[in-house]
Amino acid sequence: MIYHGVKSEEGVLMRMNNIPRSIAESMGGSGTLQATLIWPSVQSARAFISSSDIALWDRGRPTNSPLSGAEYQSVWHTLSGEGR
């Protein structure tokens, strides 16, 4: 958790999938993620992230962030190699 700069296992899972640190905790703490992933793995989390809609990204972004949910998703696409 220290290495990834987050406070939860779900946050680590998000960081391992290249989610920006500033939203990793909120994306990992998403009730949708927890309900979707009974036995979370890096691969299942990646599938969840890949199929997530923009509303999840909007809910995950910090309120004071200059980036929109769509911009965070775009950053993730670049970092993860999931180019569009």
C-alpha atoms as a PDB file:
ATOM      1  CA  MET A   1       0.000   0.000   0.000  1.00  0.00           C
ATOM      2  CA  ILE A   2       2.878   2.343   0.757  1.00  0.00           C
ATOM      3  CA  TYR A   3       4.479   1.558  -2.600  1.00  0.00           C
ATOM      4  CA  HIS A   4       1.282   2.427  -4.489  1.00  0.00           C
ATOM      5  CA  GLY A   5       0.426   5.412  -2.259  1.00  0.00           C
ATOM      6  CA  VAL A   6      -3.052   4.189  -1.313  1.00  0.00           C
ATOM      7  CA  LYS A   7      -4.721   3.005   1.901  1.00  0.00           C
ATOM      8  CA  SER A   8      -6.718  -0.045   0.820  1.00  0.00           C
ATOM      9  CA  GLU A   9      -6.337  -3.324  -1.037  1.00  0.00           C
ATOM     10  CA  GLU A  10      -8.879  -2.117  -3.579  1.00  0.00           C
ATOM     11  CA  GLY A  11      -6.783   0.998  -4.127  1.00  0.00           C
ATOM     12  CA  VAL A  12      -3.718  -1.185  -4.735  1.00  0.00           C
ATOM     13  CA  LEU A  13      -5.716  -3.210  -7.236  1.00  0.00           C
ATOM     14  CA  MET A  14      -6.618  -0.004  -9.062  1.00  0.00           C
ATOM     15  CA  ARG A  15      -3.007   1.259  -9.017  1.00  0.00           C
ATOM     16  CA  MET A  16      -1.823  -2.102 -10.375  1.00  0.00           C
ATOM     17  CA  ASN A  17      -4.150  -1.386 -13.292  1.00  0.00           C
ATOM     18  CA  ASN A  18      -2.700   2.085 -13.889  1.00  0.00           C
ATOM     19  CA  ILE A  19      -5.561   4.085 -12.394  1.00  0.00           C
ATOM     20  CA  PRO A  20      -4.164   7.510 -11.414  1.00  0.00           C
ATOM     21  CA  ARG A  21      -3.390   7.684  -7.676  1.00  0.00           C
ATOM     22  CA  SER A  22      -5.729  10.615  -7.142  1.00  0.00           C
ATOM     23  CA  ILE A  23      -8.775   8.464  -7.980  1.00  0.00           C
ATOM     24  CA  ALA A  24      -7.540   4.939  -7.166  1.00  0.00           C
ATOM     25  CA  GLU A  25      -9.116   4.889  -3.690  1.00  0.00           C
ATOM     26  CA  SER A  26     -12.515   6.086  -4.826  1.00  0.00           C
ATOM     27  CA  MET A  27     -12.568   3.829  -7.893  1.00  0.00           C
ATOM     28  CA  GLY A  28     -11.481   0.865  -5.764  1.00  0.00           C
ATOM     29  CA  GLY A  29     -13.990   1.661  -3.061  1.00  0.00           C
ATOM     30  CA  SER A  30     -16.811   1.740  -5.571  1.00  0.00           C
ATOM     31  CA  GLY A  31     -19.755  -0.378  -4.504  1.00  0.00           C
ATOM     32  CA  THR A  32     -19.998  -1.468  -8.127  1.00  0.00           C
ATOM     33  CA  LEU A  33     -16.468  -2.853  -8.049  1.00  0.00           C
ATOM     34  CA  GLN A  34     -17.053  -4.696  -4.805  1.00  0.00           C
ATOM     35  CA  ALA A  35     -20.328  -6.193  -6.044  1.00  0.00           C
ATOM     36  CA  THR A  36     -18.824  -7.152  -9.410  1.00  0.00           C
ATOM     37  CA  LEU A  37     -15.617  -8.726  -8.165  1.00  0.00           C
ATOM     38  CA  ILE A  38     -16.300 -11.483  -5.676  1.00  0.00           C
ATOM     39  CA  TRP A  39     -12.693 -12.721  -5.849  1.00  0.00           C
ATOM     40  CA  PRO A  40     -10.848  -9.664  -7.160  1.00  0.00           C
ATOM     41  CA  SER A  41      -7.756 -10.165  -9.251  1.00  0.00           C
ATOM     42  CA  VAL A  42      -5.719  -7.779 -11.357  1.00  0.00           C
ATOM     43  CA  GLN A  43      -7.272  -9.239 -14.508  1.00  0.00           C
ATOM     44  CA  SER A  44     -10.882  -9.047 -13.296  1.00  0.00           C
ATOM     45  CA  ALA A  45     -10.324  -5.487 -12.080  1.00  0.00           C
ATOM     46  CA  ARG A  46      -8.912  -4.565 -15.498  1.00  0.00           C
ATOM     47  CA  ALA A  47     -11.998  -6.015 -17.176  1.00  0.00           C
ATOM     48  CA  PHE A  48     -14.177  -4.004 -14.788  1.00  0.00           C
ATOM     49  CA  ILE A  49     -12.254  -0.801 -15.535  1.00  0.00           C
ATOM     50  CA  SER A  50     -12.332  -1.400 -19.296  1.00  0.00           C
ATOM     51  CA  SER A  51     -16.090  -1.853 -19.290  1.00  0.00           C
ATOM     52  CA  SER A  52     -16.902   0.953 -16.831  1.00  0.00           C
ATOM     53  CA  ASP A  53     -19.030   3.849 -17.989  1.00  0.00           C
ATOM     54  CA  ILE A  54     -18.114   7.493 -17.677  1.00  0.00           C
ATOM     55  CA  ALA A  55     -20.418   7.931 -14.660  1.00  0.00           C
ATOM     56  CA  LEU A  56     -18.084   5.763 -12.560  1.00  0.00           C
ATOM     57  CA  TRP A  57     -15.119   7.920 -13.559  1.00  0.00           C
ATOM     58  CA  ASP A  58     -17.097  11.077 -12.755  1.00  0.00           C
ATOM     59  CA  ARG A  59     -17.984   9.743  -9.283  1.00  0.00           C
ATOM     60  CA  GLY A  60     -14.359   8.773  -8.661  1.00  0.00           C
ATOM     61  CA  ARG A  61     -12.777  12.117  -9.427  1.00  0.00           C
ATOM     62  CA  PRO A  62     -11.928  14.492  -6.570  1.00  0.00           C
ATOM     63  CA  THR A  63     -14.291  17.458  -6.317  1.00  0.00           C
ATOM     64  CA  ASN A  64     -11.438  19.955  -6.703  1.00  0.00           C
ATOM     65  CA  SER A  65      -9.877  18.184  -9.693  1.00  0.00           C
ATOM     66  CA  PRO A  66      -9.388  20.163 -12.888  1.00  0.00           C
ATOM     67  CA  LEU A  67      -9.910  16.904 -14.839  1.00  0.00           C
ATOM     68  CA  SER A  68     -13.282  15.492 -15.791  1.00  0.00           C
ATOM     69  CA  GLY A  69     -14.141  11.816 -15.507  1.00  0.00           C
ATOM     70  CA  ALA A  70     -13.649  11.484 -19.269  1.00  0.00           C
ATOM     71  CA  GLU A  71     -10.180  13.008 -18.987  1.00  0.00           C
ATOM     72  CA  TYR A  72      -9.244  10.600 -16.182  1.00  0.00           C
ATOM     73  CA  GLN A  73     -10.464   7.744 -18.350  1.00  0.00           C
ATOM     74  CA  SER A  74      -8.359   9.054 -21.233  1.00  0.00           C
ATOM     75  CA  VAL A  75      -5.286   9.189 -18.976  1.00  0.00           C
ATOM     76  CA  TRP A  76      -5.983   5.592 -17.953  1.00  0.00           C
ATOM     77  CA  HIS A  77      -6.265   4.520 -21.601  1.00  0.00           C
ATOM     78  CA  THR A  78      -2.845   6.038 -22.272  1.00  0.00           C
ATOM     79  CA  LEU A  79      -1.143   4.632 -19.144  1.00  0.00           C
ATOM     80  CA  SER A  80      -2.590   1.158 -19.547  1.00  0.00           C
ATOM     81  CA  GLY A  81      -1.892   0.824 -23.244  1.00  0.00           C
ATOM     82  CA  GLU A  82      -5.629   0.500 -23.891  1.00  0.00           C
ATOM     83  CA  GLY A  83      -5.473   3.192 -26.564  1.00  0.00           C
ATOM     84  CA  ARG A  84      -8.646   4.158 -28.332  1.00  0.00           C
END
